[in-house]
Amino acid sequence: MRFHPLLSVLLLCVTIIPKGNTGLIPGTKRCTMLKGKCQEKGCTTTE
């Protein structure tokens, strides 16, 4: 009987907690925020 309220509170907490952005290197994240892109070979003449 008490399992149902506990489950509903757990689901509510899971939906409220925001998802974090993980997996990006700090330099890559900042480059993306500045509307740039990471390239291996270097920049072109228009960049």
All heavy atoms as atom14 arrays in JSON, in Angstrom:
{
  "sequence": "MRFHPLLSVLLLCVTIIPKGNTGLIPGTKRCTMLKGKCQEKGCTTTE",
  "atom14_mask": [
    [1, 1, 1, 1, 1, 1, 1, 1, 0, 0, 0, 0, 0, 0],
    [1, 1, 1, 1, 1, 1, 1, 1, 1, 1, 1, 0, 0, 0],
    [1, 1, 1, 1, 1, 1, 1, 1, 1, 1, 1, 0, 0, 0],
    [1, 1, 1, 1, 1, 1, 1, 1, 1, 1, 0, 0, 0, 0],
    [1, 1, 1, 1, 1, 1, 1, 0, 0, 0, 0, 0, 0, 0],
    [1, 1, 1, 1, 1, 1, 1, 1, 0, 0, 0, 0, 0, 0],
    [1, 1, 1, 1, 1, 1, 1, 1, 0, 0, 0, 0, 0, 0],
    [1, 1, 1, 1, 1, 1, 0, 0, 0, 0, 0, 0, 0, 0],
    [1, 1, 1, 1, 1, 1, 1, 0, 0, 0, 0, 0, 0, 0],
    [1, 1, 1, 1, 1, 1, 1, 1, 0, 0, 0, 0, 0, 0],
    [1, 1, 1, 1, 1, 1, 1, 1, 0, 0, 0, 0, 0, 0],
    [1, 1, 1, 1, 1, 1, 1, 1, 0, 0, 0, 0, 0, 0],
    [1, 1, 1, 1, 1, 1, 0, 0, 0, 0, 0, 0, 0, 0],
    [1, 1, 1, 1, 1, 1, 1, 0, 0, 0, 0, 0, 0, 0],
    [1, 1, 1, 1, 1, 1, 1, 0, 0, 0, 0, 0, 0, 0],
    [1, 1, 1, 1, 1, 1, 1, 1, 0, 0, 0, 0, 0, 0],
    [1, 1, 1, 1, 1, 1, 1, 1, 0, 0, 0, 0, 0, 0],
    [1, 1, 1, 1, 1, 1, 1, 0, 0, 0, 0, 0, 0, 0],
    [1, 1, 1, 1, 1, 1, 1, 1, 1, 0, 0, 0, 0, 0],
    [1, 1, 1, 1, 0, 0, 0, 0, 0, 0, 0, 0, 0, 0],
    [1, 1, 1, 1, 1, 1, 1, 1, 0, 0, 0, 0, 0, 0],
    [1, 1, 1, 1, 1, 1, 1, 0, 0, 0, 0, 0, 0, 0],
    [1, 1, 1, 1, 0, 0, 0, 0, 0, 0, 0, 0, 0, 0],
    [1, 1, 1, 1, 1, 1, 1, 1, 0, 0, 0, 0, 0, 0],
    [1, 1, 1, 1, 1, 1, 1, 1, 0, 0, 0, 0, 0, 0],
    [1, 1, 1, 1, 1, 1, 1, 0, 0, 0, 0, 0, 0, 0],
    [1, 1, 1, 1, 0, 0, 0, 0, 0, 0, 0, 0, 0, 0],
    [1, 1, 1, 1, 1, 1, 1, 0, 0, 0, 0, 0, 0, 0],
    [1, 1, 1, 1, 1, 1, 1, 1, 1, 0, 0, 0, 0, 0],
    [1, 1, 1, 1, 1, 1, 1, 1, 1, 1, 1, 0, 0, 0],
    [1, 1, 1, 1, 1, 1, 0, 0, 0, 0, 0, 0, 0, 0],
    [1, 1, 1, 1, 1, 1, 1, 0, 0, 0, 0, 0, 0, 0],
    [1, 1, 1, 1, 1, 1, 1, 1, 0, 0, 0, 0, 0, 0],
    [1, 1, 1, 1, 1, 1, 1, 1, 0, 0, 0, 0, 0, 0],
    [1, 1, 1, 1, 1, 1, 1, 1, 1, 0, 0, 0, 0, 0],
    [1, 1, 1, 1, 0, 0, 0, 0, 0, 0, 0, 0, 0, 0],
    [1, 1, 1, 1, 1, 1, 1, 1, 1, 0, 0, 0, 0, 0],
    [1, 1, 1, 1, 1, 1, 0, 0, 0, 0, 0, 0, 0, 0],
    [1, 1, 1, 1, 1, 1, 1, 1, 1, 0, 0, 0, 0, 0],
    [1, 1, 1, 1, 1, 1, 1, 1, 1, 0, 0, 0, 0, 0],
    [1, 1, 1, 1, 1, 1, 1, 1, 1, 0, 0, 0, 0, 0],
    [1, 1, 1, 1, 0, 0, 0, 0, 0, 0, 0, 0, 0, 0],
    [1, 1, 1, 1, 1, 1, 0, 0, 0, 0, 0, 0, 0, 0],
    [1, 1, 1, 1, 1, 1, 1, 0, 0, 0, 0, 0, 0, 0],
    [1, 1, 1, 1, 1, 1, 1, 0, 0, 0, 0, 0, 0, 0],
    [1, 1, 1, 1, 1, 1, 1, 0, 0, 0, 0, 0, 0, 0],
    [1, 1, 1, 1, 1, 1, 1, 1, 1, 0, 0, 0, 0, 0]
  ],
  "atom14_positions": [
    [[0.81, -1.2, 0.0], [0.0, 0.0, 0.0], [0.85, 1.26, 0.0], [0.48, 2.24, -0.61], [-0.92, 0.0, 1.22], [-2.05, -0.98, 1.1], [-3.05, -0.47, -0.26], [-4.62, -0.38, 0.42], [0.0, 0.0, 0.0], [0.0, 0.0, 0.0], [0.0, 0.0, 0.0], [0.0, 0.0, 0.0], [0.0, 0.0, 0.0], [0.0, 0.0, 0.0]],
    [[1.95, 1.26, 0.72], [2.77, 2.46, 0.81], [3.74, 2.58, -0.37], [4.41, 3.58, -0.5], [3.54, 2.45, 2.12], [2.66, 2.56, 3.31], [3.46, 2.54, 4.57], [2.56, 2.5, 5.71], [2.6, 3.37, 6.68], [3.51, 4.33, 6.66], [1.77, 3.28, 7.68], [0.0, 0.0, 0.0], [0.0, 0.0, 0.0], [0.0, 0.0, 0.0]],
    [[3.81, 1.59, -1.16], [4.72, 1.62, -2.3], [4.27, 2.61, -3.37], [5.09, 3.28, -3.99], [4.83, 0.22, -2.91], [5.8, 0.15, -4.06], [7.16, 0.27, -3.84], [5.35, -0.04, -5.35], [8.05, 0.22, -4.89], [6.22, -0.1, -6.4], [7.58, 0.03, -6.17], [0.0, 0.0, 0.0], [0.0, 0.0, 0.0], [0.0, 0.0, 0.0]],
    [[2.99, 2.76, -3.58], [2.45, 3.64, -4.61], [2.81, 5.11, -4.36], [3.28, 5.8, -5.28], [0.94, 3.44, -4.72], [0.36, 4.2, -5.87], [-0.1, 5.48, -5.74], [0.16, 3.85, -7.16], [-0.54, 5.9, -6.9], [-0.41, 4.92, -7.78], [0.0, 0.0, 0.0], [0.0, 0.0, 0.0], [0.0, 0.0, 0.0], [0.0, 0.0, 0.0]],
    [[2.64, 5.69, -3.16], [3.04, 7.09, -2.94], [4.54, 7.28, -3.06], [5.01, 8.3, -3.57], [2.57, 7.39, -1.51], [1.53, 6.38, -1.2], [1.88, 5.17, -2.01], [0.0, 0.0, 0.0], [0.0, 0.0, 0.0], [0.0, 0.0, 0.0], [0.0, 0.0, 0.0], [0.0, 0.0, 0.0], [0.0, 0.0, 0.0], [0.0, 0.0, 0.0]],
    [[5.32, 6.31, -2.62], [6.77, 6.41, -2.72], [7.21, 6.43, -4.18], [8.08, 7.22, -4.57], [7.43, 5.24, -1.99], [8.95, 5.21, -2.0], [9.5, 6.42, -1.25], [9.47, 3.92, -1.42], [0.0, 0.0, 0.0], [0.0, 0.0, 0.0], [0.0, 0.0, 0.0], [0.0, 0.0, 0.0], [0.0, 0.0, 0.0], [0.0, 0.0, 0.0]],
    [[6.59, 5.6, -5.0], [6.91, 5.55, -6.42], [6.54, 6.86, -7.11], [7.3, 7.36, -7.94], [6.2, 4.37, -7.08], [6.5, 4.15, -8.56], [7.98, 3.83, -8.74], [5.64, 3.05, -9.11], [0.0, 0.0, 0.0], [0.0, 0.0, 0.0], [0.0, 0.0, 0.0], [0.0, 0.0, 0.0], [0.0, 0.0, 0.0], [0.0, 0.0, 0.0]],
    [[5.4, 7.43, -6.77], [4.99, 8.68, -7.41], [5.9, 9.83, -7.01], [6.23, 10.69, -7.83], [3.53, 9.0, -7.07], [3.38, 9.19, -5.68], [0.0, 0.0, 0.0], [0.0, 0.0, 0.0], [0.0, 0.0, 0.0], [0.0, 0.0, 0.0], [0.0, 0.0, 0.0], [0.0, 0.0, 0.0], [0.0, 0.0, 0.0], [0.0, 0.0, 0.0]],
    [[6.36, 9.88, -5.77], [7.3, 10.92, -5.33], [8.64, 10.74, -6.05], [9.27, 11.71, -6.48], [7.48, 10.89, -3.8], [8.63, 11.76, -3.36], [6.18, 11.31, -3.11], [0.0, 0.0, 0.0], [0.0, 0.0, 0.0], [0.0, 0.0, 0.0], [0.0, 0.0, 0.0], [0.0, 0.0, 0.0], [0.0, 0.0, 0.0], [0.0, 0.0, 0.0]],
    [[9.08, 9.51, -6.2], [10.34, 9.24, -6.91], [10.26, 9.68, -8.36], [11.19, 10.33, -8.87], [10.67, 7.75, -6.83], [11.95, 7.31, -7.53], [13.16, 7.92, -6.83], [12.04, 5.81, -7.56], [0.0, 0.0, 0.0], [0.0, 0.0, 0.0], [0.0, 0.0, 0.0], [0.0, 0.0, 0.0], [0.0, 0.0, 0.0], [0.0, 0.0, 0.0]],
    [[9.17, 9.37, -9.03], [9.01, 9.8, -10.42], [8.93, 11.32, -10.54], [9.44, 11.91, -11.49], [7.77, 9.15, -11.04], [7.88, 7.66, -11.32], [6.54, 7.1, -11.78], [8.97, 7.37, -12.32], [0.0, 0.0, 0.0], [0.0, 0.0, 0.0], [0.0, 0.0, 0.0], [0.0, 0.0, 0.0], [0.0, 0.0, 0.0], [0.0, 0.0, 0.0]],
    [[8.31, 11.97, -9.58], [8.23, 13.42, -9.58], [9.63, 14.03, -9.43], [9.99, 14.97, -10.14], [7.32, 13.91, -8.46], [7.19, 15.42, -8.32], [6.47, 16.0, -9.53], [6.48, 15.78, -7.03], [0.0, 0.0, 0.0], [0.0, 0.0, 0.0], [0.0, 0.0, 0.0], [0.0, 0.0, 0.0], [0.0, 0.0, 0.0], [0.0, 0.0, 0.0]],
    [[10.43, 13.48, -8.54], [11.8, 13.98, -8.34], [12.66, 13.78, -9.59], [13.47, 14.63, -9.94], [12.44, 13.3, -7.15], [11.73, 13.79, -5.57], [0.0, 0.0, 0.0], [0.0, 0.0, 0.0], [0.0, 0.0, 0.0], [0.0, 0.0, 0.0], [0.0, 0.0, 0.0], [0.0, 0.0, 0.0], [0.0, 0.0, 0.0], [0.0, 0.0, 0.0]],
    [[12.49, 12.66, -10.25], [13.27, 12.37, -11.45], [12.92, 13.35, -12.58], [13.78, 13.79, -13.33], [13.06, 10.9, -11.89], [13.61, 10.66, -13.29], [13.71, 9.97, -10.89], [0.0, 0.0, 0.0], [0.0, 0.0, 0.0], [0.0, 0.0, 0.0], [0.0, 0.0, 0.0], [0.0, 0.0, 0.0], [0.0, 0.0, 0.0], [0.0, 0.0, 0.0]],
    [[11.67, 13.73, -12.69], [11.28, 14.65, -13.75], [11.67, 16.09, -13.44], [11.88, 16.88, -14.36], [9.76, 14.59, -14.0], [9.08, 14.89, -12.78], [9.34, 13.25, -14.52], [0.0, 0.0, 0.0], [0.0, 0.0, 0.0], [0.0, 0.0, 0.0], [0.0, 0.0, 0.0], [0.0, 0.0, 0.0], [0.0, 0.0, 0.0], [0.0, 0.0, 0.0]],
    [[11.8, 16.43, -12.17], [12.16, 17.81, -11.8], [13.65, 18.06, -11.94], [14.08, 19.14, -12.34], [11.7, 18.11, -10.35], [10.17, 18.17, -10.3], [12.3, 19.4, -9.84], [9.62, 18.33, -8.9], [0.0, 0.0, 0.0], [0.0, 0.0, 0.0], [0.0, 0.0, 0.0], [0.0, 0.0, 0.0], [0.0, 0.0, 0.0], [0.0, 0.0, 0.0]],
    [[14.48, 17.06, -11.63], [15.93, 17.24, -11.67], [16.38, 17.45, -13.12], [16.11, 16.62, -13.98], [16.65, 16.03, -11.05], [16.28, 15.91, -9.57], [18.15, 16.14, -11.22], [16.78, 14.66, -8.91], [0.0, 0.0, 0.0], [0.0, 0.0, 0.0], [0.0, 0.0, 0.0], [0.0, 0.0, 0.0], [0.0, 0.0, 0.0], [0.0, 0.0, 0.0]],
    [[17.09, 18.56, -13.41], [17.54, 18.8, -14.8], [18.68, 17.86, -15.18], [19.48, 17.45, -14.34], [18.01, 20.25, -14.77], [18.4, 20.48, -13.36], [17.49, 19.63, -12.51], [0.0, 0.0, 0.0], [0.0, 0.0, 0.0], [0.0, 0.0, 0.0], [0.0, 0.0, 0.0], [0.0, 0.0, 0.0], [0.0, 0.0, 0.0], [0.0, 0.0, 0.0]],
    [[18.72, 17.55, -16.44], [19.79, 16.71, -16.96], [21.02, 17.59, -17.22], [20.92, 18.67, -17.78], [19.35, 16.03, -18.25], [18.25, 15.01, -18.02], [17.84, 14.36, -19.32], [16.83, 13.27, -19.09], [15.65, 13.66, -18.39], [0.0, 0.0, 0.0], [0.0, 0.0, 0.0], [0.0, 0.0, 0.0], [0.0, 0.0, 0.0], [0.0, 0.0, 0.0]],
    [[22.18, 17.11, -16.85], [23.42, 17.85, -17.06], [24.03, 17.54, -18.4], [23.82, 16.46, -18.97], [0.0, 0.0, 0.0], [0.0, 0.0, 0.0], [0.0, 0.0, 0.0], [0.0, 0.0, 0.0], [0.0, 0.0, 0.0], [0.0, 0.0, 0.0], [0.0, 0.0, 0.0], [0.0, 0.0, 0.0], [0.0, 0.0, 0.0], [0.0, 0.0, 0.0]],
    [[24.79, 18.47, -18.94], [25.52, 18.25, -20.18], [26.87, 17.65, -19.82], [27.73, 18.32, -19.27], [25.73, 19.56, -20.95], [24.44, 20.13, -21.46], [23.48, 19.38, -21.64], [24.38, 21.41, -21.7], [0.0, 0.0, 0.0], [0.0, 0.0, 0.0], [0.0, 0.0, 0.0], [0.0, 0.0, 0.0], [0.0, 0.0, 0.0], [0.0, 0.0, 0.0]],
    [[27.04, 16.4, -20.11], [28.29, 15.73, -19.79], [28.94, 15.23, -21.06], [28.3, 15.12, -22.1], [28.05, 14.53, -18.86], [27.18, 13.62, -19.51], [27.44, 14.96, -17.55], [0.0, 0.0, 0.0], [0.0, 0.0, 0.0], [0.0, 0.0, 0.0], [0.0, 0.0, 0.0], [0.0, 0.0, 0.0], [0.0, 0.0, 0.0], [0.0, 0.0, 0.0]],
    [[30.2, 14.95, -20.98], [30.89, 14.37, -22.1], [31.62, 15.35, -22.99], [32.3, 14.96, -23.92], [0.0, 0.0, 0.0], [0.0, 0.0, 0.0], [0.0, 0.0, 0.0], [0.0, 0.0, 0.0], [0.0, 0.0, 0.0], [0.0, 0.0, 0.0], [0.0, 0.0, 0.0], [0.0, 0.0, 0.0], [0.0, 0.0, 0.0], [0.0, 0.0, 0.0]],
    [[31.47, 16.65, -22.76], [32.18, 17.63, -23.58], [33.39, 18.15, -22.83], [33.33, 18.45, -21.64], [31.28, 18.81, -23.92], [30.22, 18.59, -24.99], [29.4, 19.84, -25.17], [30.84, 18.2, -26.3], [0.0, 0.0, 0.0], [0.0, 0.0, 0.0], [0.0, 0.0, 0.0], [0.0, 0.0, 0.0], [0.0, 0.0, 0.0], [0.0, 0.0, 0.0]],
    [[34.5, 18.28, -23.52], [35.69, 18.89, -22.97], [35.39, 20.38, -22.8], [34.7, 20.96, -23.62], [36.88, 18.67, -23.93], [37.1, 17.18, -24.15], [38.14, 19.34, -23.44], [38.09, 16.84, -25.22], [0.0, 0.0, 0.0], [0.0, 0.0, 0.0], [0.0, 0.0, 0.0], [0.0, 0.0, 0.0], [0.0, 0.0, 0.0], [0.0, 0.0, 0.0]],
    [[35.91, 21.04, -21.74], [35.58, 22.45, -21.53], [35.85, 23.35, -22.73], [35.07, 24.25, -23.03], [36.47, 22.83, -20.35], [36.68, 21.57, -19.61], [36.7, 20.49, -20.66], [0.0, 0.0, 0.0], [0.0, 0.0, 0.0], [0.0, 0.0, 0.0], [0.0, 0.0, 0.0], [0.0, 0.0, 0.0], [0.0, 0.0, 0.0], [0.0, 0.0, 0.0]],
    [[36.94, 23.13, -23.45], [37.23, 23.93, -24.64], [36.21, 23.72, -25.74], [35.8, 24.66, -26.43], [0.0, 0.0, 0.0], [0.0, 0.0, 0.0], [0.0, 0.0, 0.0], [0.0, 0.0, 0.0], [0.0, 0.0, 0.0], [0.0, 0.0, 0.0], [0.0, 0.0, 0.0], [0.0, 0.0, 0.0], [0.0, 0.0, 0.0], [0.0, 0.0, 0.0]],
    [[35.76, 22.5, -25.9], [34.75, 22.17, -26.91], [33.41, 22.8, -26.55], [32.71, 23.34, -27.4], [34.59, 20.65, -27.03], [35.86, 20.07, -27.28], [33.65, 20.29, -28.16], [0.0, 0.0, 0.0], [0.0, 0.0, 0.0], [0.0, 0.0, 0.0], [0.0, 0.0, 0.0], [0.0, 0.0, 0.0], [0.0, 0.0, 0.0], [0.0, 0.0, 0.0]],
    [[33.06, 22.75, -25.27], [31.79, 23.33, -24.82], [31.78, 24.84, -25.05], [30.82, 25.4, -25.56], [31.58, 23.03, -23.35], [30.26, 23.54, -22.81], [30.16, 23.35, -21.32], [29.55, 22.04, -20.98], [29.33, 21.87, -19.53], [0.0, 0.0, 0.0], [0.0, 0.0, 0.0], [0.0, 0.0, 0.0], [0.0, 0.0, 0.0], [0.0, 0.0, 0.0]],
    [[32.87, 25.5, -24.72], [32.93, 26.95, -24.91], [32.94, 27.31, -26.39], [32.33, 28.29, -26.8], [34.16, 27.55, -24.24], [34.18, 29.06, -24.38], [35.22, 29.73, -23.59], [34.96, 29.57, -22.18], [35.84, 29.9, -21.25], [37.01, 30.36, -21.59], [35.56, 29.74, -19.98], [0.0, 0.0, 0.0], [0.0, 0.0, 0.0], [0.0, 0.0, 0.0]],
    [[33.62, 26.53, -27.2], [33.63, 26.76, -28.64], [32.22, 26.66, -29.21], [31.81, 27.48, -30.02], [34.56, 25.77, -29.32], [34.78, 26.04, -31.08], [0.0, 0.0, 0.0], [0.0, 0.0, 0.0], [0.0, 0.0, 0.0], [0.0, 0.0, 0.0], [0.0, 0.0, 0.0], [0.0, 0.0, 0.0], [0.0, 0.0, 0.0], [0.0, 0.0, 0.0]],
    [[31.46, 25.68, -28.76], [30.09, 25.51, -29.22], [29.22, 26.68, -28.77], [28.38, 27.17, -29.51], [29.51, 24.18, -28.7], [30.38, 23.13, -29.09], [28.14, 23.92, -29.26], [0.0, 0.0, 0.0], [0.0, 0.0, 0.0], [0.0, 0.0, 0.0], [0.0, 0.0, 0.0], [0.0, 0.0, 0.0], [0.0, 0.0, 0.0], [0.0, 0.0, 0.0]],
    [[29.42, 27.15, -27.54], [28.64, 28.28, -27.03], [28.95, 29.57, -27.79], [28.09, 30.43, -27.92], [28.93, 28.49, -25.55], [28.29, 27.44, -24.67], [28.75, 27.49, -22.92], [28.91, 29.19, -22.57], [0.0, 0.0, 0.0], [0.0, 0.0, 0.0], [0.0, 0.0, 0.0], [0.0, 0.0, 0.0], [0.0, 0.0, 0.0], [0.0, 0.0, 0.0]],
    [[30.14, 29.69, -28.34], [30.53, 30.88, -29.11], [30.24, 30.73, -30.6], [30.76, 31.47, -31.41], [32.02, 31.17, -28.91], [32.4, 31.59, -27.49], [33.9, 31.64, -27.37], [31.79, 32.92, -27.16], [0.0, 0.0, 0.0], [0.0, 0.0, 0.0], [0.0, 0.0, 0.0], [0.0, 0.0, 0.0], [0.0, 0.0, 0.0], [0.0, 0.0, 0.0]],
    [[29.41, 29.78, -30.95], [28.99, 29.54, -32.34], [30.15, 29.13, -33.23], [30.17, 29.44, -34.41], [28.3, 30.77, -32.94], [27.2, 31.36, -32.12], [26.01, 30.44, -32.03], [24.88, 31.15, -31.32], [24.11, 30.33, -30.46], [0.0, 0.0, 0.0], [0.0, 0.0, 0.0], [0.0, 0.0, 0.0], [0.0, 0.0, 0.0], [0.0, 0.0, 0.0]],
    [[31.11, 28.42, -32.66], [32.24, 27.94, -33.44], [32.17, 26.44, -33.62], [31.22, 25.79, -33.19], [0.0, 0.0, 0.0], [0.0, 0.0, 0.0], [0.0, 0.0, 0.0], [0.0, 0.0, 0.0], [0.0, 0.0, 0.0], [0.0, 0.0, 0.0], [0.0, 0.0, 0.0], [0.0, 0.0, 0.0], [0.0, 0.0, 0.0], [0.0, 0.0, 0.0]],
    [[33.19, 25.88, -34.27], [33.27, 24.43, -34.41], [34.73, 24.0, -34.3], [35.64, 24.74, -34.67], [32.66, 23.96, -35.72], [33.23, 24.58, -36.96], [32.48, 24.1, -38.19], [32.99, 24.84, -39.41], [32.33, 24.41, -40.62], [0.0, 0.0, 0.0], [0.0, 0.0, 0.0], [0.0, 0.0, 0.0], [0.0, 0.0, 0.0], [0.0, 0.0, 0.0]],
    [[34.92, 22.81, -33.78], [36.26, 22.27, -33.58], [36.71, 21.54, -34.84], [35.97, 20.7, -35.36], [36.27, 21.32, -32.39], [35.86, 22.12, -30.85], [0.0, 0.0, 0.0], [0.0, 0.0, 0.0], [0.0, 0.0, 0.0], [0.0, 0.0, 0.0], [0.0, 0.0, 0.0], [0.0, 0.0, 0.0], [0.0, 0.0, 0.0], [0.0, 0.0, 0.0]],
    [[37.9, 21.88, -35.31], [38.42, 21.25, -36.52], [39.84, 20.79, -36.26], [40.61, 21.44, -35.56], [38.42, 22.25, -37.68], [37.04, 22.71, -38.07], [37.08, 23.73, -39.2], [38.11, 24.3, -39.52], [35.92, 23.97, -39.8], [0.0, 0.0, 0.0], [0.0, 0.0, 0.0], [0.0, 0.0, 0.0], [0.0, 0.0, 0.0], [0.0, 0.0, 0.0]],
    [[40.2, 19.67, -36.88], [41.54, 19.12, -36.7], [42.58, 19.8, -37.58], [43.7, 20.02, -37.17], [41.54, 17.62, -37.0], [40.83, 16.81, -35.95], [40.93, 15.33, -36.2], [41.84, 14.9, -36.94], [40.11, 14.6, -35.64], [0.0, 0.0, 0.0], [0.0, 0.0, 0.0], [0.0, 0.0, 0.0], [0.0, 0.0, 0.0], [0.0, 0.0, 0.0]],
    [[42.21, 20.14, -38.8], [43.2, 20.62, -39.77], [43.46, 22.12, -39.67], [44.38, 22.62, -40.28], [42.76, 20.27, -41.18], [42.67, 18.78, -41.41], [42.24, 18.46, -42.81], [42.14, 16.96, -42.99], [41.68, 16.6, -44.33], [0.0, 0.0, 0.0], [0.0, 0.0, 0.0], [0.0, 0.0, 0.0], [0.0, 0.0, 0.0], [0.0, 0.0, 0.0]],
    [[42.65, 22.84, -38.97], [42.81, 24.29, -38.89], [41.66, 25.01, -39.56], [40.74, 24.41, -40.08], [0.0, 0.0, 0.0], [0.0, 0.0, 0.0], [0.0, 0.0, 0.0], [0.0, 0.0, 0.0], [0.0, 0.0, 0.0], [0.0, 0.0, 0.0], [0.0, 0.0, 0.0], [0.0, 0.0, 0.0], [0.0, 0.0, 0.0], [0.0, 0.0, 0.0]],
    [[41.74, 26.32, -39.54], [40.64, 27.15, -40.05], [40.82, 27.44, -41.54], [41.94, 27.49, -42.04], [40.6, 28.46, -39.27], [40.47, 28.21, -37.51], [0.0, 0.0, 0.0], [0.0, 0.0, 0.0], [0.0, 0.0, 0.0], [0.0, 0.0, 0.0], [0.0, 0.0, 0.0], [0.0, 0.0, 0.0], [0.0, 0.0, 0.0], [0.0, 0.0, 0.0]],
    [[39.7, 27.66, -42.21], [39.74, 28.03, -43.63], [39.96, 29.53, -43.75], [40.08, 30.24, -42.75], [38.43, 27.64, -44.33], [37.36, 28.37, -43.74], [38.15, 26.15, -44.21], [0.0, 0.0, 0.0], [0.0, 0.0, 0.0], [0.0, 0.0, 0.0], [0.0, 0.0, 0.0], [0.0, 0.0, 0.0], [0.0, 0.0, 0.0], [0.0, 0.0, 0.0]],
    [[39.97, 30.04, -44.97], [40.22, 31.47, -45.18], [39.05, 32.34, -44.74], [39.24, 33.52, -44.46], [40.51, 31.74, -46.67], [39.42, 31.23, -47.45], [41.8, 31.07, -47.1], [0.0, 0.0, 0.0], [0.0, 0.0, 0.0], [0.0, 0.0, 0.0], [0.0, 0.0, 0.0], [0.0, 0.0, 0.0], [0.0, 0.0, 0.0], [0.0, 0.0, 0.0]],
    [[37.84, 31.78, -44.65], [36.69, 32.57, -44.21], [36.44, 32.44, -42.7], [35.44, 32.93, -42.21], [35.41, 32.13, -44.96], [35.16, 30.77, -44.69], [35.55, 32.4, -46.44], [0.0, 0.0, 0.0], [0.0, 0.0, 0.0], [0.0, 0.0, 0.0], [0.0, 0.0, 0.0], [0.0, 0.0, 0.0], [0.0, 0.0, 0.0], [0.0, 0.0, 0.0]],
    [[37.32, 31.77, -42.0], [37.17, 31.57, -40.56], [38.38, 32.13, -39.83], [39.45, 32.3, -40.41], [37.04, 30.08, -40.23], [35.83, 29.43, -40.86], [35.83, 27.92, -40.67], [36.89, 27.32, -40.48], [34.74, 27.36, -40.75], [0.0, 0.0, 0.0], [0.0, 0.0, 0.0], [0.0, 0.0, 0.0], [0.0, 0.0, 0.0], [0.0, 0.0, 0.0]]
  ]
}
